[in-house]
Amino acid sequence: MSPKRNTMFVIFAGPQQHGRPGTQYIAKDGTKTEIISQAAKFYSFADAQEFAKQMNIKLTELTYIGQDDFIDSDQ
């Protein structure tokens, strides 16, 4: 049985790399990470926006909210 894929909102901390390695995310503690399991994940754009506001993360062209696919082990 293949792993279940979920599409969730995340905050990217740089350009999204389509091959995954090198993609940077904002982690649950507000720092940058390349470790996908540490990325803060959200069910809605509004939740990600609120998190950015609470963590004083300025959304820009390079730090932005987008969607990415995750498998169960990434959660």
PDB file of N, CA and C in Angstrom:
ATOM      1  N   MET A   1       0.846  -1.176   0.000  1.00  0.00           N
ATOM      2  CA  MET A   1       0.000   0.000   0.000  1.00  0.00           C
ATOM      3  C   MET A   1       0.895   1.244   0.000  1.00  0.00           C
ATOM      4  N   SER A   2       0.671   2.121  -0.926  1.00  0.00           N
ATOM      5  CA  SER A   2       1.495   3.327  -1.009  1.00  0.00           C
ATOM      6  C   SER A   2       1.059   4.339   0.039  1.00  0.00           C
ATOM      7  N   PRO A   3       1.987   5.211   0.469  1.00  0.00           N
ATOM      8  CA  PRO A   3       1.660   6.200   1.493  1.00  0.00           C
ATOM      9  C   PRO A   3       0.619   7.189   0.986  1.00  0.00           C
ATOM     10  N   LYS A   4      -0.228   7.634   1.894  1.00  0.00           N
ATOM     11  CA  LYS A   4      -1.259   8.616   1.564  1.00  0.00           C
ATOM     12  C   LYS A   4      -0.610   9.995   1.409  1.00  0.00           C
ATOM     13  N   ARG A   5      -0.985  10.709   0.356  1.00  0.00           N
ATOM     14  CA  ARG A   5      -0.466  12.057   0.101  1.00  0.00           C
ATOM     15  C   ARG A   5      -1.504  13.082   0.535  1.00  0.00           C
ATOM     16  N   ASN A   6      -1.032  14.106   1.216  1.00  0.00           N
ATOM     17  CA  ASN A   6      -1.885  15.200   1.654  1.00  0.00           C
ATOM     18  C   ASN A   6      -1.315  16.499   1.119  1.00  0.00           C
ATOM     19  N   THR A   7      -2.172  17.374   0.607  1.00  0.00           N
ATOM     20  CA  THR A   7      -1.752  18.701   0.191  1.00  0.00           C
ATOM     21  C   THR A   7      -2.096  19.653   1.319  1.00  0.00           C
ATOM     22  N   MET A   8      -1.086  20.375   1.799  1.00  0.00           N
ATOM     23  CA  MET A   8      -1.287  21.304   2.908  1.00  0.00           C
ATOM     24  C   MET A   8      -0.587  22.622   2.592  1.00  0.00           C
ATOM     25  N   PHE A   9      -0.982  23.645   3.302  1.00  0.00           N
ATOM     26  CA  PHE A   9      -0.343  24.947   3.165  1.00  0.00           C
ATOM     27  C   PHE A   9       0.893  24.985   4.053  1.00  0.00           C
ATOM     28  N   VAL A  10       1.949  25.595   3.547  1.00  0.00           N
ATOM     29  CA  VAL A  10       3.183  25.803   4.287  1.00  0.00           C
ATOM     30  C   VAL A  10       3.691  27.198   3.957  1.00  0.00           C
ATOM     31  N   ILE A  11       4.667  27.649   4.720  1.00  0.00           N
ATOM     32  CA  ILE A  11       5.317  28.914   4.408  1.00  0.00           C
ATOM     33  C   ILE A  11       6.702  28.570   3.881  1.00  0.00           C
ATOM     34  N   PHE A  12       6.931  28.893   2.627  1.00  0.00           N
ATOM     35  CA  PHE A  12       8.223  28.658   2.007  1.00  0.00           C
ATOM     36  C   PHE A  12       9.167  29.785   2.408  1.00  0.00           C
ATOM     37  N   ALA A  13      10.430  29.442   2.633  1.00  0.00           N
ATOM     38  CA  ALA A  13      11.442  30.430   3.020  1.00  0.00           C
ATOM     39  C   ALA A  13      12.465  30.577   1.901  1.00  0.00           C
ATOM     40  N   GLY A  14      12.011  30.550   0.688  1.00  0.00           N
ATOM     41  CA  GLY A  14      12.860  30.648  -0.489  1.00  0.00           C
ATOM     42  C   GLY A  14      12.118  30.017  -1.644  1.00  0.00           C
ATOM     43  N   PRO A  15      12.709  30.033  -2.808  1.00  0.00           N
ATOM     44  CA  PRO A  15      12.028  29.452  -3.964  1.00  0.00           C
ATOM     45  C   PRO A  15      11.741  27.964  -3.754  1.00  0.00           C
ATOM     46  N   GLN A  16      10.569  27.546  -4.163  1.00  0.00           N
ATOM     47  CA  GLN A  16      10.209  26.127  -4.061  1.00  0.00           C
ATOM     48  C   GLN A  16      11.012  25.351  -5.085  1.00  0.00           C
ATOM     49  N   GLN A  17      11.698  24.325  -4.641  1.00  0.00           N
ATOM     50  CA  GLN A  17      12.479  23.461  -5.517  1.00  0.00           C
ATOM     51  C   GLN A  17      11.592  22.291  -5.919  1.00  0.00           C
ATOM     52  N   HIS A  18      11.379  22.112  -7.189  1.00  0.00           N
ATOM     53  CA  HIS A  18      10.459  21.076  -7.642  1.00  0.00           C
ATOM     54  C   HIS A  18      10.963  19.668  -7.356  1.00  0.00           C
ATOM     55  N   GLY A  19      12.264  19.495  -7.211  1.00  0.00           N
ATOM     56  CA  GLY A  19      12.817  18.187  -6.883  1.00  0.00           C
ATOM     57  C   GLY A  19      12.915  17.956  -5.387  1.00  0.00           C
ATOM     58  N   ARG A  20      12.403  18.855  -4.588  1.00  0.00           N
ATOM     59  CA  ARG A  20      12.373  18.816  -3.137  1.00  0.00           C
ATOM     60  C   ARG A  20      13.684  19.177  -2.441  1.00  0.00           C
ATOM     61  N   PRO A  21      14.833  18.528  -2.709  1.00  0.00           N
ATOM     62  CA  PRO A  21      16.034  18.915  -1.972  1.00  0.00           C
ATOM     63  C   PRO A  21      16.323  20.402  -2.164  1.00  0.00           C
ATOM     64  N   GLY A  22      16.640  21.072  -1.087  1.00  0.00           N
ATOM     65  CA  GLY A  22      16.923  22.501  -1.148  1.00  0.00           C
ATOM     66  C   GLY A  22      15.732  23.377  -0.848  1.00  0.00           C
ATOM     67  N   THR A  23      14.539  22.820  -0.831  1.00  0.00           N
ATOM     68  CA  THR A  23      13.360  23.610  -0.488  1.00  0.00           C
ATOM     69  C   THR A  23      13.436  23.967   0.989  1.00  0.00           C
ATOM     70  N   GLN A  24      13.251  25.233   1.293  1.00  0.00           N
ATOM     71  CA  GLN A  24      13.260  25.676   2.686  1.00  0.00           C
ATOM     72  C   GLN A  24      11.853  26.056   3.110  1.00  0.00           C
ATOM     73  N   TYR A  25      11.534  25.683   4.325  1.00  0.00           N
ATOM     74  CA  TYR A  25      10.224  25.943   4.910  1.00  0.00           C
ATOM     75  C   TYR A  25      10.405  26.719   6.211  1.00  0.00           C
ATOM     76  N   ILE A  26       9.334  27.317   6.674  1.00  0.00           N
ATOM     77  CA  ILE A  26       9.305  27.859   8.028  1.00  0.00           C
ATOM     78  C   ILE A  26       8.841  26.729   8.935  1.00  0.00           C
ATOM     79  N   ALA A  27       9.616  26.490   9.982  1.00  0.00           N
ATOM     80  CA  ALA A  27       9.331  25.411  10.925  1.00  0.00           C
ATOM     81  C   ALA A  27       8.295  25.854  11.957  1.00  0.00           C
ATOM     82  N   LYS A  28       7.872  24.911  12.762  1.00  0.00           N
ATOM     83  CA  LYS A  28       6.867  25.165  13.794  1.00  0.00           C
ATOM     84  C   LYS A  28       7.322  26.187  14.818  1.00  0.00           C
ATOM     85  N   ASP A  29       8.647  26.345  14.971  1.00  0.00           N
ATOM     86  CA  ASP A  29       9.170  27.328  15.923  1.00  0.00           C
ATOM     87  C   ASP A  29       9.503  28.668  15.260  1.00  0.00           C
ATOM     88  N   GLY A  30       9.194  28.814  13.962  1.00  0.00           N
ATOM     89  CA  GLY A  30       9.402  30.063  13.255  1.00  0.00           C
ATOM     90  C   GLY A  30      10.753  30.193  12.580  1.00  0.00           C
ATOM     91  N   THR A  31      11.615  29.182  12.685  1.00  0.00           N
ATOM     92  CA  THR A  31      12.919  29.207  12.041  1.00  0.00           C
ATOM     93  C   THR A  31      12.838  28.546  10.667  1.00  0.00           C
ATOM     94  N   LYS A  32      13.910  28.688   9.878  1.00  0.00           N
ATOM     95  CA  LYS A  32      13.971  28.041   8.564  1.00  0.00           C
ATOM     96  C   LYS A  32      14.443  26.604   8.729  1.00  0.00           C
ATOM     97  N   THR A  33      13.906  25.721   7.888  1.00  0.00           N
ATOM     98  CA  THR A  33      14.332  24.328   7.896  1.00  0.00           C
ATOM     99  C   THR A  33      14.206  23.740   6.498  1.00  0.00           C
ATOM    100  N   GLU A  34      15.058  22.780   6.199  1.00  0.00           N
ATOM    101  CA  GLU A  34      14.922  21.994   4.972  1.00  0.00           C
ATOM    102  C   GLU A  34      14.328  20.631   5.287  1.00  0.00           C
ATOM    103  N   ILE A  35      14.107  20.364   6.559  1.00  0.00           N
ATOM    104  CA  ILE A  35      13.561  19.072   6.988  1.00  0.00           C
ATOM    105  C   ILE A  35      12.042  19.149   6.912  1.00  0.00           C
ATOM    106  N   ILE A  36      11.502  18.436   5.974  1.00  0.00           N
ATOM    107  CA  ILE A  36      10.081  18.541   5.652  1.00  0.00           C
ATOM    108  C   ILE A  36       9.177  18.202   6.844  1.00  0.00           C
ATOM    109  N   SER A  37       9.584  17.261   7.674  1.00  0.00           N
ATOM    110  CA  SER A  37       8.747  16.881   8.819  1.00  0.00           C
ATOM    111  C   SER A  37       8.690  17.983   9.870  1.00  0.00           C
ATOM    112  N   GLN A  38       9.647  18.923   9.851  1.00  0.00           N
ATOM    113  CA  GLN A  38       9.654  20.026  10.812  1.00  0.00           C
ATOM    114  C   GLN A  38       8.885  21.246  10.319  1.00  0.00           C
ATOM    115  N   ALA A  39       8.490  21.251   9.056  1.00  0.00           N
ATOM    116  CA  ALA A  39       7.759  22.390   8.498  1.00  0.00           C
ATOM    117  C   ALA A  39       6.412  22.546   9.194  1.00  0.00           C
ATOM    118  N   ALA A  40       6.050  23.787   9.459  1.00  0.00           N
ATOM    119  CA  ALA A  40       4.718  24.067   9.997  1.00  0.00           C
ATOM    120  C   ALA A  40       3.718  23.873   8.864  1.00  0.00           C
ATOM    121  N   LYS A  41       2.704  23.046   9.087  1.00  0.00           N
ATOM    122  CA  LYS A  41       1.721  22.723   8.051  1.00  0.00           C
ATOM    123  C   LYS A  41       0.339  23.190   8.499  1.00  0.00           C
ATOM    124  N   PHE A  42      -0.438  23.662   7.538  1.00  0.00           N
ATOM    125  CA  PHE A  42      -1.736  24.244   7.845  1.00  0.00           C
ATOM    126  C   PHE A  42      -2.794  23.718   6.889  1.00  0.00           C
ATOM    127  N   TYR A  43      -4.025  23.620   7.386  1.00  0.00           N
ATOM    128  CA  TYR A  43      -5.135  23.165   6.558  1.00  0.00           C
ATOM    129  C   TYR A  43      -5.720  24.286   5.709  1.00  0.00           C
ATOM    130  N   SER A  44      -5.457  25.544   6.087  1.00  0.00           N
ATOM    131  CA  SER A  44      -6.009  26.657   5.312  1.00  0.00           C
ATOM    132  C   SER A  44      -4.975  27.768   5.149  1.00  0.00           C
ATOM    133  N   PHE A  45      -5.163  28.573   4.116  1.00  0.00           N
ATOM    134  CA  PHE A  45      -4.311  29.731   3.866  1.00  0.00           C
ATOM    135  C   PHE A  45      -4.399  30.687   5.046  1.00  0.00           C
ATOM    136  N   ALA A  46      -5.615  30.880   5.564  1.00  0.00           N
ATOM    137  CA  ALA A  46      -5.827  31.802   6.680  1.00  0.00           C
ATOM    138  C   ALA A  46      -5.058  31.368   7.928  1.00  0.00           C
ATOM    139  N   ASP A  47      -5.003  30.062   8.193  1.00  0.00           N
ATOM    140  CA  ASP A  47      -4.250  29.563   9.349  1.00  0.00           C
ATOM    141  C   ASP A  47      -2.756  29.860   9.183  1.00  0.00           C
ATOM    142  N   ALA A  48      -2.230  29.666   7.976  1.00  0.00           N
ATOM    143  CA  ALA A  48      -0.823  29.952   7.710  1.00  0.00           C
ATOM    144  C   ALA A  48      -0.544  31.448   7.856  1.00  0.00           C
ATOM    145  N   GLN A  49      -1.472  32.258   7.384  1.00  0.00           N
ATOM    146  CA  GLN A  49      -1.334  33.711   7.486  1.00  0.00           C
ATOM    147  C   GLN A  49      -1.321  34.146   8.948  1.00  0.00           C
ATOM    148  N   GLU A  50      -2.184  33.577   9.747  1.00  0.00           N
ATOM    149  CA  GLU A  50      -2.255  33.907  11.174  1.00  0.00           C
ATOM    150  C   GLU A  50      -0.965  33.483  11.884  1.00  0.00           C
ATOM    151  N   PHE A  51      -0.445  32.313  11.558  1.00  0.00           N
ATOM    152  CA  PHE A  51       0.817  31.846  12.133  1.00  0.00           C
ATOM    153  C   PHE A  51       1.938  32.830  11.799  1.00  0.00           C
ATOM    154  N   ALA A  52       2.023  33.247  10.538  1.00  0.00           N
ATOM    155  CA  ALA A  52       3.054  34.205  10.122  1.00  0.00           C
ATOM    156  C   ALA A  52       2.928  35.494  10.924  1.00  0.00           C
ATOM    157  N   LYS A  53       1.726  35.950  11.121  1.00  0.00           N
ATOM    158  CA  LYS A  53       1.491  37.173  11.884  1.00  0.00           C
ATOM    159  C   LYS A  53       1.946  37.001  13.330  1.00  0.00           C
ATOM    160  N   GLN A  54       1.576  35.889  13.954  1.00  0.00           N
ATOM    161  CA  GLN A  54       1.939  35.637  15.352  1.00  0.00           C
ATOM    162  C   GLN A  54       3.446  35.485  15.536  1.00  0.00           C
ATOM    163  N   MET A  55       4.125  34.942  14.540  1.00  0.00           N
ATOM    164  CA  MET A  55       5.574  34.702  14.633  1.00  0.00           C
ATOM    165  C   MET A  55       6.379  35.864  14.047  1.00  0.00           C
ATOM    166  N   ASN A  56       5.708  36.952  13.672  1.00  0.00           N
ATOM    167  CA  ASN A  56       6.355  38.126  13.070  1.00  0.00           C
ATOM    168  C   ASN A  56       7.169  37.752  11.833  1.00  0.00           C
ATOM    169  N   ILE A  57       6.588  36.914  10.994  1.00  0.00           N
ATOM    170  CA  ILE A  57       7.218  36.512   9.737  1.00  0.00           C
ATOM    171  C   ILE A  57       6.650  37.398   8.642  1.00  0.00           C
ATOM    172  N   LYS A  58       7.522  38.166   8.013  1.00  0.00           N
ATOM    173  CA  LYS A  58       7.089  39.059   6.941  1.00  0.00           C
ATOM    174  C   LYS A  58       6.979  38.257   5.650  1.00  0.00           C
ATOM    175  N   LEU A  59       5.803  38.246   5.064  1.00  0.00           N
ATOM    176  CA  LEU A  59       5.579  37.530   3.810  1.00  0.00           C
ATOM    177  C   LEU A  59       6.032  38.415   2.649  1.00  0.00           C
ATOM    178  N   THR A  60       6.882  37.840   1.790  1.00  0.00           N
ATOM    179  CA  THR A  60       7.464  38.563   0.664  1.00  0.00           C
ATOM    180  C   THR A  60       7.442  37.658  -0.559  1.00  0.00           C
ATOM    181  N   GLU A  61       8.165  38.059  -1.592  1.00  0.00           N
ATOM    182  CA  GLU A  61       8.282  37.213  -2.782  1.00  0.00           C
ATOM    183  C   GLU A  61       8.998  35.902  -2.472  1.00  0.00           C
ATOM    184  N   LEU A  62       9.929  35.924  -1.519  1.00  0.00           N
ATOM    185  CA  LEU A  62      10.703  34.727  -1.193  1.00  0.00           C
ATOM    186  C   LEU A  62      10.207  33.999   0.058  1.00  0.00           C
ATOM    187  N   THR A  63       9.459  34.668   0.891  1.00  0.00           N
ATOM    188  CA  THR A  63       8.849  34.041   2.066  1.00  0.00           C
ATOM    189  C   THR A  63       7.345  34.148   1.860  1.00  0.00           C
ATOM    190  N   TYR A  64       6.756  33.046   1.445  1.00  0.00           N
ATOM    191  CA  TYR A  64       5.369  33.109   0.994  1.00  0.00           C
ATOM    192  C   TYR A  64       4.614  31.829   1.360  1.00  0.00           C
ATOM    193  N   ILE A  65       3.314  31.944   1.366  1.00  0.00           N
ATOM    194  CA  ILE A  65       2.444  30.806   1.662  1.00  0.00           C
ATOM    195  C   ILE A  65       2.129  30.102   0.353  1.00  0.00           C
ATOM    196  N   GLY A  66       2.289  28.802   0.356  1.00  0.00           N
ATOM    197  CA  GLY A  66       1.981  28.000  -0.812  1.00  0.00           C
ATOM    198  C   GLY A  66       1.543  26.615  -0.368  1.00  0.00           C
ATOM    199  N   GLN A  67       1.309  25.762  -1.323  1.00  0.00           N
ATOM    200  CA  GLN A  67       0.893  24.399  -1.022  1.00  0.00           C
ATOM    201  C   GLN A  67       1.978  23.422  -1.448  1.00  0.00           C
ATOM    202  N   ASP A  68       2.069  22.339  -0.700  1.00  0.00           N
ATOM    203  CA  ASP A  68       2.999  21.276  -1.037  1.00  0.00           C
ATOM    204  C   ASP A  68       2.352  19.960  -0.651  1.00  0.00           C
ATOM    205  N   ASP A  69       2.807  18.899  -1.280  1.00  0.00           N
ATOM    206  CA  ASP A  69       2.299  17.558  -0.989  1.00  0.00           C
ATOM    207  C   ASP A  69       3.190  16.883   0.038  1.00  0.00           C
ATOM    208  N   PHE A  70       2.559  16.219   0.987  1.00  0.00           N
ATOM    209  CA  PHE A  70       3.267  15.511   2.026  1.00  0.00           C
ATOM    210  C   PHE A  70       2.722  14.099   2.122  1.00  0.00           C
ATOM    211  N   ILE A  71       3.600  13.182   2.503  1.00  0.00           N
ATOM    212  CA  ILE A  71       3.144  11.827   2.778  1.00  0.00           C
ATOM    213  C   ILE A  71       3.014  11.680   4.290  1.00  0.00           C
ATOM    214  N   ASP A  72       2.338  10.645   4.739  1.00  0.00           N
ATOM    215  CA  ASP A  72       2.083  10.464   6.165  1.00  0.00           C
ATOM    216  C   ASP A  72       3.353  10.570   7.011  1.00  0.00           C
ATOM    217  N   SER A  73       4.472  10.048   6.524  1.00  0.00           N
ATOM    218  CA  SER A  73       5.701  10.082   7.316  1.00  0.00           C
ATOM    219  C   SER A  73       6.277  11.487   7.425  1.00  0.00           C
ATOM    220  N   ASP A  74       5.834  12.435   6.588  1.00  0.00           N
ATOM    221  CA  ASP A  74       6.291  13.831   6.662  1.00  0.00           C
ATOM    222  C   ASP A  74       5.539  14.620   7.712  1.00  0.00           C
ATOM    223  N   GLN A  75       4.456  14.096   8.188  1.00  0.00           N
ATOM    224  CA  GLN A  75       3.577  14.851   9.083  1.00  0.00           C
ATOM    225  C   GLN A  75       4.153  14.996  10.431  1.00  0.00           C
TER     226      GLN A  75
END
